[in-house]
């Protein structure tokens, strides 16, 4: 199973930017779609973004479209989430995931396989 470690979270003012990174172990990284979810205490996990195993196609949740960008570097076994124009409602723990199946796309928690430990993002108003 792929091991995932997120980094890059922190505290930022509204309107600012952060870039999250997620480093993966495992030689089969390139065969899996990747994604990001976020969760606020007491609420369900929310889909943020996903990218196909080729990196050619991306998908975004409605609340982050046009502000966030997902990308991957298969040579570095890393997936990124560039977050711009951050809002206080973006405050959450962010998790990176792999797809459950090879060449899958983790757009729902049920379609996700491996999960990282999460990184906190806090946006102050």
C-alpha atoms as a PDB file:
ATOM      1  CA  UNK A   1       0.000   0.000   0.000  1.00  0.00           C
ATOM      2  CA  UNK A   2       1.180   3.512  -0.780  1.00  0.00           C
ATOM      3  CA  UNK A   3       2.303   5.651   2.174  1.00  0.00           C
ATOM      4  CA  UNK A   4       1.441   9.361   1.966  1.00  0.00           C
ATOM      5  CA  UNK A   5       2.911  12.269   3.951  1.00  0.00           C
ATOM      6  CA  UNK A   6       1.465  15.777   3.607  1.00  0.00           C
ATOM      7  CA  UNK A   7       3.270  19.031   4.319  1.00  0.00           C
ATOM      8  CA  UNK A   8       2.820  22.749   3.739  1.00  0.00           C
ATOM      9  CA  UNK A   9      -0.143  23.518   5.945  1.00  0.00           C
ATOM     10  CA  UNK A  10      -0.205  26.464   8.296  1.00  0.00           C
ATOM     11  CA  UNK A  11      -1.805  29.786   9.168  1.00  0.00           C
ATOM     12  CA  UNK A  12      -2.467  32.361   6.456  1.00  0.00           C
ATOM     13  CA  UNK A  13      -4.561  35.500   6.146  1.00  0.00           C
ATOM     14  CA  UNK A  14      -7.615  35.621   3.937  1.00  0.00           C
ATOM     15  CA  UNK A  15      -6.620  36.315   0.347  1.00  0.00           C
ATOM     16  CA  UNK A  16      -3.266  34.624   0.794  1.00  0.00           C
ATOM     17  CA  UNK A  17      -1.831  31.458  -0.713  1.00  0.00           C
ATOM     18  CA  UNK A  18      -0.416  28.136   0.434  1.00  0.00           C
ATOM     19  CA  UNK A  19       0.961  25.145  -1.399  1.00  0.00           C
ATOM     20  CA  UNK A  20       0.431  21.699   0.048  1.00  0.00           C
ATOM     21  CA  UNK A  21       2.688  18.820  -0.903  1.00  0.00           C
ATOM     22  CA  UNK A  22       2.158  15.117  -0.490  1.00  0.00           C
ATOM     23  CA  UNK A  23       5.052  12.711  -0.881  1.00  0.00           C
ATOM     24  CA  UNK A  24       4.267   9.101  -1.652  1.00  0.00           C
ATOM     25  CA  UNK A  25       6.258   5.925  -1.276  1.00  0.00           C
ATOM     26  CA  UNK A  26       5.824   2.953  -3.525  1.00  0.00           C
ATOM     27  CA  UNK A  27       6.794   2.178  -7.089  1.00  0.00           C
ATOM     28  CA  UNK A  28       3.175   2.007  -8.292  1.00  0.00           C
ATOM     29  CA  UNK A  29       2.482   5.685  -7.588  1.00  0.00           C
ATOM     30  CA  UNK A  30       2.320   6.506 -11.282  1.00  0.00           C
ATOM     31  CA  UNK A  31      -0.582   4.126 -11.884  1.00  0.00           C
ATOM     32  CA  UNK A  32      -2.960   5.772  -9.416  1.00  0.00           C
ATOM     33  CA  UNK A  33      -5.127   8.830  -9.544  1.00  0.00           C
ATOM     34  CA  UNK A  34      -4.521  11.256  -6.695  1.00  0.00           C
ATOM     35  CA  UNK A  35      -6.665  13.701  -4.832  1.00  0.00           C
ATOM     36  CA  UNK A  36      -7.239  15.981  -1.893  1.00  0.00           C
ATOM     37  CA  UNK A  37     -10.066  16.028   0.615  1.00  0.00           C
ATOM     38  CA  UNK A  38     -10.636  18.296   3.585  1.00  0.00           C
ATOM     39  CA  UNK A  39     -12.530  17.977   6.811  1.00  0.00           C
ATOM     40  CA  UNK A  40     -13.806  20.301   9.492  1.00  0.00           C
ATOM     41  CA  UNK A  41     -14.648  18.792  12.911  1.00  0.00           C
ATOM     42  CA  UNK A  42     -18.237  17.623  12.991  1.00  0.00           C
ATOM     43  CA  UNK A  43     -18.629  17.635   9.218  1.00  0.00           C
ATOM     44  CA  UNK A  44     -18.149  15.049   6.502  1.00  0.00           C
ATOM     45  CA  UNK A  45     -15.011  14.963   4.420  1.00  0.00           C
ATOM     46  CA  UNK A  46     -15.314  17.242   1.408  1.00  0.00           C
ATOM     47  CA  UNK A  47     -13.834  16.561  -2.009  1.00  0.00           C
ATOM     48  CA  UNK A  48     -11.354  19.254  -3.023  1.00  0.00           C
ATOM     49  CA  UNK A  49      -9.518  18.116  -6.147  1.00  0.00           C
ATOM     50  CA  UNK A  50      -8.326  15.079  -8.088  1.00  0.00           C
ATOM     51  CA  UNK A  51      -5.931  14.341 -10.919  1.00  0.00           C
ATOM     52  CA  UNK A  52      -5.692  11.352 -13.213  1.00  0.00           C
ATOM     53  CA  UNK A  53      -2.705   8.999 -13.145  1.00  0.00           C
ATOM     54  CA  UNK A  54      -1.414  10.624 -16.338  1.00  0.00           C
ATOM     55  CA  UNK A  55      -1.815  14.120 -14.916  1.00  0.00           C
ATOM     56  CA  UNK A  56      -3.703  15.198 -18.011  1.00  0.00           C
ATOM     57  CA  UNK A  57      -7.115  15.756 -16.419  1.00  0.00           C
ATOM     58  CA  UNK A  58      -8.084  17.473 -13.200  1.00  0.00           C
ATOM     59  CA  UNK A  59     -11.339  17.807 -11.267  1.00  0.00           C
ATOM     60  CA  UNK A  60     -12.336  20.272  -8.564  1.00  0.00           C
ATOM     61  CA  UNK A  61     -15.006  20.743  -5.972  1.00  0.00           C
ATOM     62  CA  UNK A  62     -17.353  23.634  -6.621  1.00  0.00           C
ATOM     63  CA  UNK A  63     -16.140  25.620  -3.627  1.00  0.00           C
ATOM     64  CA  UNK A  64     -12.495  25.682  -4.762  1.00  0.00           C
ATOM     65  CA  UNK A  65     -12.729  25.707  -8.549  1.00  0.00           C
ATOM     66  CA  UNK A  66     -10.772  28.610 -10.084  1.00  0.00           C
ATOM     67  CA  UNK A  67      -8.839  29.147  -6.826  1.00  0.00           C
ATOM     68  CA  UNK A  68      -7.040  25.832  -6.260  1.00  0.00           C
ATOM     69  CA  UNK A  69      -4.813  23.864  -8.636  1.00  0.00           C
ATOM     70  CA  UNK A  70      -3.809  20.226  -8.286  1.00  0.00           C
ATOM     71  CA  UNK A  71      -0.703  18.903  -9.992  1.00  0.00           C
ATOM     72  CA  UNK A  72       1.618  15.927  -9.742  1.00  0.00           C
ATOM     73  CA  UNK A  73       5.257  15.169 -10.407  1.00  0.00           C
ATOM     74  CA  UNK A  74       5.571  11.454 -11.030  1.00  0.00           C
ATOM     75  CA  UNK A  75       9.364  11.660 -11.056  1.00  0.00           C
ATOM     76  CA  UNK A  76       9.230  12.909  -7.464  1.00  0.00           C
ATOM     77  CA  UNK A  77       6.249  10.789  -6.376  1.00  0.00           C
ATOM     78  CA  UNK A  78       4.598  13.983  -5.204  1.00  0.00           C
ATOM     79  CA  UNK A  79       1.210  15.618  -5.594  1.00  0.00           C
ATOM     80  CA  UNK A  80       0.631  19.302  -4.941  1.00  0.00           C
ATOM     81  CA  UNK A  81      -2.306  21.536  -4.125  1.00  0.00           C
ATOM     82  CA  UNK A  82      -1.758  25.219  -4.876  1.00  0.00           C
ATOM     83  CA  UNK A  83      -4.339  27.241  -2.947  1.00  0.00           C
ATOM     84  CA  UNK A  84      -4.877  30.878  -3.874  1.00  0.00           C
ATOM     85  CA  UNK A  85      -7.363  33.515  -2.724  1.00  0.00           C
ATOM     86  CA  UNK A  86      -7.883  31.603   0.490  1.00  0.00           C
ATOM     87  CA  UNK A  87     -11.022  32.219   2.526  1.00  0.00           C
ATOM     88  CA  UNK A  88     -11.762  31.527   6.208  1.00  0.00           C
ATOM     89  CA  UNK A  89     -14.146  28.782   5.084  1.00  0.00           C
ATOM     90  CA  UNK A  90     -11.156  26.936   3.582  1.00  0.00           C
ATOM     91  CA  UNK A  91      -9.972  26.253   7.139  1.00  0.00           C
ATOM     92  CA  UNK A  92      -9.794  22.471   7.571  1.00  0.00           C
ATOM     93  CA  UNK A  93      -7.513  19.478   7.826  1.00  0.00           C
ATOM     94  CA  UNK A  94      -6.426  18.568   4.308  1.00  0.00           C
ATOM     95  CA  UNK A  95      -5.767  14.957   3.330  1.00  0.00           C
ATOM     96  CA  UNK A  96      -4.139  13.612   0.216  1.00  0.00           C
ATOM     97  CA  UNK A  97      -5.324  10.286  -1.137  1.00  0.00           C
ATOM     98  CA  UNK A  98      -4.658   7.773  -3.841  1.00  0.00           C
ATOM     99  CA  UNK A  99      -7.380   6.165  -5.890  1.00  0.00           C
ATOM    100  CA  UNK A 100      -8.566   2.820  -4.618  1.00  0.00           C
ATOM    101  CA  UNK A 101      -7.993   1.192  -8.005  1.00  0.00           C
ATOM    102  CA  UNK A 102      -5.193   1.572 -10.504  1.00  0.00           C
ATOM    103  CA  UNK A 103      -6.057   4.325 -13.014  1.00  0.00           C
ATOM    104  CA  UNK A 104      -9.002   5.291 -10.825  1.00  0.00           C
ATOM    105  CA  UNK A 105      -9.971   8.775  -9.705  1.00  0.00           C
ATOM    106  CA  UNK A 106     -10.659   9.561  -6.033  1.00  0.00           C
ATOM    107  CA  UNK A 107     -13.544  12.009  -6.257  1.00  0.00           C
ATOM    108  CA  UNK A 108     -15.409  10.477  -3.311  1.00  0.00           C
ATOM    109  CA  UNK A 109     -14.058   8.924  -0.091  1.00  0.00           C
ATOM    110  CA  UNK A 110     -15.326   5.541  -1.262  1.00  0.00           C
ATOM    111  CA  UNK A 111     -13.081   5.772  -4.341  1.00  0.00           C
ATOM    112  CA  UNK A 112      -9.998   6.574  -2.252  1.00  0.00           C
ATOM    113  CA  UNK A 113      -7.476   3.941  -1.196  1.00  0.00           C
ATOM    114  CA  UNK A 114      -4.548   5.265   0.860  1.00  0.00           C
ATOM    115  CA  UNK A 115      -4.891   8.392   3.012  1.00  0.00           C
ATOM    116  CA  UNK A 116      -2.260  10.683   4.435  1.00  0.00           C
ATOM    117  CA  UNK A 117      -2.257  11.775   8.070  1.00  0.00           C
ATOM    118  CA  UNK A 118      -3.584  15.244   7.230  1.00  0.00           C
ATOM    119  CA  UNK A 119      -2.219  18.766   7.484  1.00  0.00           C
ATOM    120  CA  UNK A 120      -4.004  21.697   9.120  1.00  0.00           C
ATOM    121  CA  UNK A 121      -4.787  24.799   7.083  1.00  0.00           C
ATOM    122  CA  UNK A 122      -6.111  27.806   8.983  1.00  0.00           C
ATOM    123  CA  UNK A 123      -7.238  30.968   7.213  1.00  0.00           C
ATOM    124  CA  UNK A 124      -7.756  34.018   9.390  1.00  0.00           C
ATOM    125  CA  UNK A 125     -10.167  36.800   8.483  1.00  0.00           C
END
